[in-house]
Amino acid sequence: MTAPKTIGFVGLGQMGEPMCAFICKGDAPVLCHDRTPGLAPKGGIEVDSLAAVVAGADTVFLSLPDGKIVNAVAGEIAALPDVAGKVIIDMSTIGPAAAKQAAATIQGAGMTYIDAPVSGGRQGALKAAITIIWSGSRAEMDRHQPILDLFSKNTFHVGDTPGQGQAVKLLNNFLSATAMAASSEAVLFGLAHGVEMKTIIDVVKVSTGNNTAIEDKFPNRVLPGTYDAGFFAELLNKDVRLYNEFVREAGTSNLMGERVAEVWNLVEQTLPPQSDFTRVFEVLENRGKS
């Protein structure tokens, strides 16, 4: 199986633009489209419509905000002429049900749909260090691996069925959300006892309570007060909400999930739109003072 000759990329937002920028450094031409014009990275070929991307590309990557938008785009793609044989790789976080719906639409038009959400945040995307969680054809993963390697550090094949990638992505983001919220409360407890934040971080980082929030978010985003991890609180809340929805459907234990969802609902309600998710620390700090 030969690599695709032309790539399409739809959705040039916080994650999409840096991922697309690395793909543009490869050998294949990249057709780029976003509803906001002028976002195509250096080396990309900006086109003014989804139809133009699909018409000119063998493989189209999607990086879109939610399942409603993904399925609207999937419907538009499926309605276009001469689409049979194309591959749609969806890197959005949309939940298992939306991924299955998009897969049915795309596959019904004779195309291949890959459910491949990513993890690592904008900082990982800027460093070509994200993780790709691929569910779908392994042969297509192998065929696209040289392209995936341009913008990612790890690719995992987690299953053959669309929706499985979403399940792994949601459980991962739930753990990330839990770590950030729990670490915020723990650090605030230490501060209340007069211990400096840097000292708390240094101790926990080499102890059993270590996690990604302590490794990265606190020393690099919270301690300096920059709050610039590059992921919006409302998007993380969306992921936690999706996780809880599908945990209830699966019937597995959800004691922690329900509590974590309360925290992130509070965060979204408290902060202005497009606030960095690391500002959960400020929300919980102010809540403790009230």
Protein backbone atom coordinates (compact mmCIF):
# COMPACT_ATOMS: atom_id res chain seq x y z
CA MET A 1 0.00 0.00 0.00
CA THR A 2 1.51 3.29 -1.10
CA ALA A 3 1.36 6.48 0.95
CA PRO A 4 -1.27 9.05 -0.05
CA LYS A 5 -0.05 11.51 -2.67
CA THR A 6 -2.03 14.51 -1.41
CA ILE A 7 -3.20 15.31 2.13
CA GLY A 8 -6.17 17.37 3.26
CA PHE A 9 -6.51 19.02 6.65
CA VAL A 10 -9.75 20.50 7.99
CA GLY A 11 -9.79 22.47 11.25
CA LEU A 12 -6.83 24.75 12.01
CA GLY A 13 -7.48 25.57 15.66
CA GLN A 14 -5.43 25.18 18.82
CA MET A 15 -4.44 21.62 17.96
CA GLY A 16 -5.07 21.45 14.23
CA GLU A 17 -2.79 24.29 13.12
CA PRO A 18 0.43 22.98 14.72
CA MET A 19 -0.29 19.40 13.65
CA CYS A 20 -0.96 20.55 10.10
CA ALA A 21 2.21 22.66 10.15
CA PHE A 22 4.35 19.57 10.74
CA ILE A 23 2.51 17.60 8.05
CA CYS A 24 3.33 20.46 5.66
CA LYS A 25 7.03 19.74 6.22
CA GLY A 26 6.60 16.35 4.54
CA ASP A 27 6.76 15.52 0.85
CA ALA A 28 3.02 15.43 0.07
CA PRO A 29 1.10 18.62 -0.78
CA VAL A 30 -1.35 19.62 1.97
CA LEU A 31 -4.70 21.26 1.21
CA CYS A 32 -5.84 23.25 4.26
CA HIS A 33 -9.26 24.60 5.22
CA ASP A 34 -10.84 26.29 8.20
CA ARG A 35 -14.02 28.32 8.49
CA THR A 36 -11.73 31.22 9.49
CA PRO A 37 -9.55 32.10 6.49
CA GLY A 38 -5.83 32.81 6.70
CA LEU A 39 -4.88 30.07 9.19
CA ALA A 40 -3.04 27.74 6.82
CA PRO A 41 0.53 27.12 8.06
CA LYS A 42 3.64 27.74 6.02
CA GLY A 43 3.86 25.24 3.19
CA GLY A 44 0.13 24.50 3.22
CA ILE A 45 -2.19 25.24 0.31
CA GLU A 46 -5.23 27.14 1.62
CA VAL A 47 -8.50 26.33 -0.14
CA ASP A 48 -11.83 28.04 0.44
CA SER A 49 -14.11 25.04 0.89
CA LEU A 50 -14.41 21.57 2.35
CA ALA A 51 -15.33 20.33 -1.11
CA ALA A 52 -12.03 21.58 -2.53
CA VAL A 53 -10.08 19.73 0.17
CA VAL A 54 -11.90 16.46 -0.40
CA ALA A 55 -11.74 16.71 -4.19
CA GLY A 56 -7.98 17.19 -4.18
CA ALA A 57 -6.83 14.92 -1.35
CA ASP A 58 -6.46 11.15 -0.99
CA THR A 59 -6.51 11.36 2.82
CA VAL A 60 -8.29 14.07 4.85
CA PHE A 61 -7.48 14.77 8.50
CA LEU A 62 -10.19 16.33 10.67
CA SER A 63 -9.47 18.30 13.86
CA LEU A 64 -12.81 19.72 14.97
CA PRO A 65 -14.37 20.89 18.26
CA ASP A 66 -17.19 18.40 18.89
CA GLY A 67 -19.31 15.55 17.61
CA LYS A 68 -22.05 17.74 16.19
CA ILE A 69 -19.58 19.53 13.93
CA VAL A 70 -17.77 16.33 12.98
CA ASN A 71 -21.01 14.67 11.92
CA ALA A 72 -22.11 17.73 9.97
CA VAL A 73 -18.77 17.68 8.12
CA ALA A 74 -19.03 13.91 7.60
CA GLY A 75 -22.43 14.43 6.01
CA GLU A 76 -21.07 17.11 3.70
CA ILE A 77 -18.17 14.89 2.65
CA ALA A 78 -20.39 11.89 1.99
CA ALA A 79 -22.65 13.99 -0.23
CA LEU A 80 -19.78 15.05 -2.51
CA PRO A 81 -19.16 13.29 -5.84
CA ASP A 82 -16.29 10.85 -6.48
CA VAL A 83 -15.35 10.28 -2.84
CA ALA A 84 -15.16 6.47 -2.83
CA GLY A 85 -11.75 5.18 -1.76
CA LYS A 86 -10.73 8.24 0.22
CA VAL A 87 -9.59 7.98 3.84
CA ILE A 88 -10.93 10.27 6.58
CA ILE A 89 -8.80 10.38 9.74
CA ASP A 90 -10.73 12.08 12.53
CA MET A 91 -8.49 13.38 15.32
CA SER A 92 -11.30 15.17 17.17
CA THR A 93 -12.50 14.22 20.66
CA ILE A 94 -16.21 13.54 20.19
CA GLY A 95 -17.17 10.44 22.18
CA PRO A 96 -17.88 6.87 20.99
CA ALA A 97 -21.45 7.46 19.76
CA ALA A 98 -20.52 10.41 17.54
CA ALA A 99 -17.55 8.49 16.14
CA LYS A 100 -19.76 5.52 15.27
CA GLN A 101 -22.25 7.84 13.59
CA ALA A 102 -19.54 9.56 11.56
CA ALA A 103 -18.08 6.18 10.60
CA ALA A 104 -21.44 4.96 9.33
CA THR A 105 -21.85 8.10 7.20
CA ILE A 106 -18.34 7.99 5.75
CA GLN A 107 -18.26 4.24 5.19
CA GLY A 108 -21.72 4.38 3.61
CA ALA A 109 -20.22 6.57 0.89
CA GLY A 110 -17.45 4.06 0.15
CA MET A 111 -14.71 5.75 2.18
CA THR A 112 -12.60 4.61 5.13
CA TYR A 113 -13.15 6.29 8.49
CA ILE A 114 -10.48 6.22 11.19
CA ASP A 115 -11.27 7.22 14.77
CA ALA A 116 -7.92 8.66 15.90
CA PRO A 117 -8.15 11.24 18.70
CA VAL A 118 -4.91 12.72 19.99
CA SER A 119 -3.47 13.48 23.42
CA GLY A 120 -0.73 15.83 24.53
CA GLY A 121 -2.40 19.22 24.30
CA ARG A 122 -1.26 22.22 22.33
CA GLN A 123 2.19 22.09 23.90
CA GLY A 124 2.61 18.55 22.62
CA ALA A 125 1.28 19.54 19.21
CA LEU A 126 3.79 22.40 19.02
CA LYS A 127 6.61 19.92 19.64
CA ALA A 128 5.30 17.14 17.36
CA ALA A 129 5.06 15.04 20.51
CA ILE A 130 1.38 14.10 20.71
CA THR A 131 0.00 10.59 21.08
CA ILE A 132 -2.38 9.25 18.42
CA ILE A 133 -5.04 6.80 19.64
CA TRP A 134 -5.99 4.92 16.47
CA SER A 135 -9.01 2.68 16.09
CA GLY A 136 -9.67 1.38 12.62
CA SER A 137 -7.69 -0.39 9.93
CA ARG A 138 -4.18 -1.32 11.08
CA ALA A 139 -3.12 -1.51 7.43
CA GLU A 140 -4.14 2.13 6.99
CA MET A 141 -2.22 3.04 10.13
CA ASP A 142 0.89 1.40 8.72
CA ARG A 143 0.36 3.12 5.36
CA HIS A 144 0.03 6.52 7.00
CA GLN A 145 2.75 6.03 9.63
CA PRO A 146 5.35 8.18 7.80
CA ILE A 147 2.85 11.06 7.86
CA LEU A 148 1.82 10.41 11.47
CA ASP A 149 5.48 10.45 12.50
CA LEU A 150 5.78 14.02 11.21
CA PHE A 151 3.56 15.38 14.00
CA SER A 152 3.39 12.71 16.72
CA LYS A 153 5.66 10.82 19.09
CA ASN A 154 3.51 7.74 19.69
CA THR A 155 0.82 5.94 17.70
CA PHE A 156 -1.23 3.22 19.39
CA HIS A 157 -3.61 0.88 17.57
CA VAL A 158 -6.28 0.32 20.23
CA GLY A 159 -8.88 -1.52 18.17
CA ASP A 160 -10.53 -2.02 14.81
CA THR A 161 -13.86 -0.37 15.61
CA PRO A 162 -14.54 3.39 15.54
CA GLY A 163 -15.41 4.53 19.06
CA GLN A 164 -12.66 2.54 20.76
CA GLY A 165 -10.18 5.35 20.22
CA GLN A 166 -12.68 7.76 21.75
CA ALA A 167 -13.10 5.55 24.81
CA VAL A 168 -9.36 5.54 25.48
CA LYS A 169 -9.09 9.29 24.85
CA LEU A 170 -11.97 10.07 27.22
CA LEU A 171 -10.61 7.92 30.03
CA ASN A 172 -7.22 9.59 29.56
CA ASN A 173 -8.72 13.09 29.72
CA PHE A 174 -10.77 12.12 32.74
CA LEU A 175 -7.55 11.10 34.49
CA SER A 176 -5.88 14.35 33.41
CA ALA A 177 -8.84 16.37 34.70
CA THR A 178 -8.78 14.44 37.97
CA ALA A 179 -5.05 14.96 38.41
CA MET A 180 -5.29 18.72 37.82
CA ALA A 181 -8.23 19.22 40.16
CA ALA A 182 -6.94 16.94 42.92
CA SER A 183 -3.42 18.38 42.72
CA SER A 184 -4.84 21.90 43.00
CA GLU A 185 -6.63 21.02 46.23
CA ALA A 186 -3.57 19.20 47.59
CA VAL A 187 -1.24 22.11 46.81
CA LEU A 188 -3.68 24.57 48.42
CA PHE A 189 -3.67 22.38 51.54
CA GLY A 190 0.13 22.55 51.66
CA LEU A 191 0.14 26.32 51.12
CA ALA A 192 -2.30 26.72 54.01
CA HIS A 193 0.34 25.15 56.23
CA GLY A 194 3.01 27.60 55.13
CA VAL A 195 4.87 25.33 52.71
CA GLU A 196 6.07 26.98 49.49
CA MET A 197 4.51 25.77 46.25
CA LYS A 198 7.86 24.92 44.68
CA THR A 199 8.74 22.78 47.69
CA ILE A 200 5.44 20.92 47.45
CA ILE A 201 6.01 20.28 43.75
CA ASP A 202 9.59 19.11 44.26
CA VAL A 203 8.59 16.64 46.97
CA VAL A 204 5.53 15.19 45.22
CA LYS A 205 7.35 14.95 41.87
CA VAL A 206 9.66 12.27 43.31
CA SER A 207 7.02 10.66 45.53
CA THR A 208 3.99 8.44 45.13
CA GLY A 209 1.57 11.31 44.48
CA ASN A 210 3.29 12.35 41.25
CA ASN A 211 1.16 12.93 38.14
CA THR A 212 1.11 15.02 34.96
CA ALA A 213 -0.21 18.09 36.77
CA ILE A 214 2.71 18.01 39.21
CA GLU A 215 5.23 17.12 36.47
CA ASP A 216 4.23 19.88 34.06
CA LYS A 217 1.22 22.05 34.81
CA PHE A 218 2.22 23.29 38.26
CA PRO A 219 5.93 24.03 37.71
CA ASN A 220 5.44 25.45 34.20
CA ARG A 221 1.96 27.04 34.21
CA VAL A 222 0.66 27.60 37.76
CA LEU A 223 3.81 28.48 39.72
CA PRO A 224 4.90 31.21 37.25
CA GLY A 225 1.29 32.38 36.91
CA THR A 226 1.20 32.04 33.13
CA TYR A 227 -1.71 29.55 32.96
CA ASP A 228 -0.84 28.76 29.35
CA ALA A 229 -1.15 25.01 28.84
CA GLY A 230 -3.16 25.81 25.70
CA PHE A 231 -6.34 23.84 26.42
CA PHE A 232 -9.59 25.58 27.28
CA ALA A 233 -11.43 24.67 30.49
CA GLU A 234 -14.74 24.31 28.65
CA LEU A 235 -13.20 21.74 26.28
CA LEU A 236 -11.89 19.66 29.16
CA ASN A 237 -15.29 19.92 30.82
CA LYS A 238 -16.85 18.68 27.57
CA ASP A 239 -14.55 15.65 27.68
CA VAL A 240 -15.35 14.93 31.33
CA ARG A 241 -19.05 15.26 30.52
CA LEU A 242 -18.70 12.81 27.62
CA TYR A 243 -16.74 10.41 29.81
CA ASN A 244 -19.49 10.41 32.43
CA GLU A 245 -22.16 9.93 29.79
CA PHE A 246 -20.51 6.82 28.39
CA VAL A 247 -19.53 5.43 31.79
CA ARG A 248 -23.23 5.47 32.69
CA GLU A 249 -23.97 3.70 29.42
CA ALA A 250 -21.28 1.08 30.11
CA GLY A 251 -22.52 0.58 33.67
CA THR A 252 -19.06 0.73 35.25
CA SER A 253 -18.27 2.39 38.58
CA ASN A 254 -18.41 6.17 38.48
CA LEU A 255 -18.03 7.49 42.04
CA MET A 256 -14.94 9.54 41.13
CA GLY A 257 -16.30 10.54 37.74
CA GLU A 258 -19.39 12.21 39.15
CA ARG A 259 -17.37 14.19 41.68
CA VAL A 260 -14.79 15.30 39.13
CA ALA A 261 -17.60 16.39 36.82
CA GLU A 262 -18.94 18.68 39.58
CA VAL A 263 -15.54 20.37 39.84
CA TRP A 264 -15.20 21.02 36.11
CA ASN A 265 -18.78 22.23 35.79
CA LEU A 266 -17.94 24.75 38.52
CA VAL A 267 -14.76 25.77 36.69
CA GLU A 268 -16.56 26.38 33.40
CA GLN A 269 -19.31 28.34 35.13
CA THR A 270 -16.78 30.49 37.01
CA LEU A 271 -14.17 31.32 34.38
CA PRO A 272 -14.59 33.44 31.25
CA PRO A 273 -14.79 31.50 27.96
CA GLN A 274 -11.48 30.23 26.55
CA SER A 275 -9.74 30.28 29.93
CA ASP A 276 -6.86 27.84 30.29
CA PHE A 277 -7.85 24.72 32.19
CA THR A 278 -4.94 25.17 34.63
CA ARG A 279 -6.91 28.07 36.13
CA VAL A 280 -8.87 25.45 38.05
CA PHE A 281 -6.26 26.23 40.70
CA GLU A 282 -7.51 29.82 40.97
CA VAL A 283 -11.15 28.72 41.05
CA LEU A 284 -10.53 26.30 43.91
CA GLU A 285 -8.27 28.80 45.70
CA ASN A 286 -10.99 31.45 45.63
CA ARG A 287 -13.64 28.94 46.63
CA GLY A 288 -11.64 28.12 49.74
CA LYS A 289 -11.56 31.80 50.71
CA SER A 290 -15.33 32.26 50.42
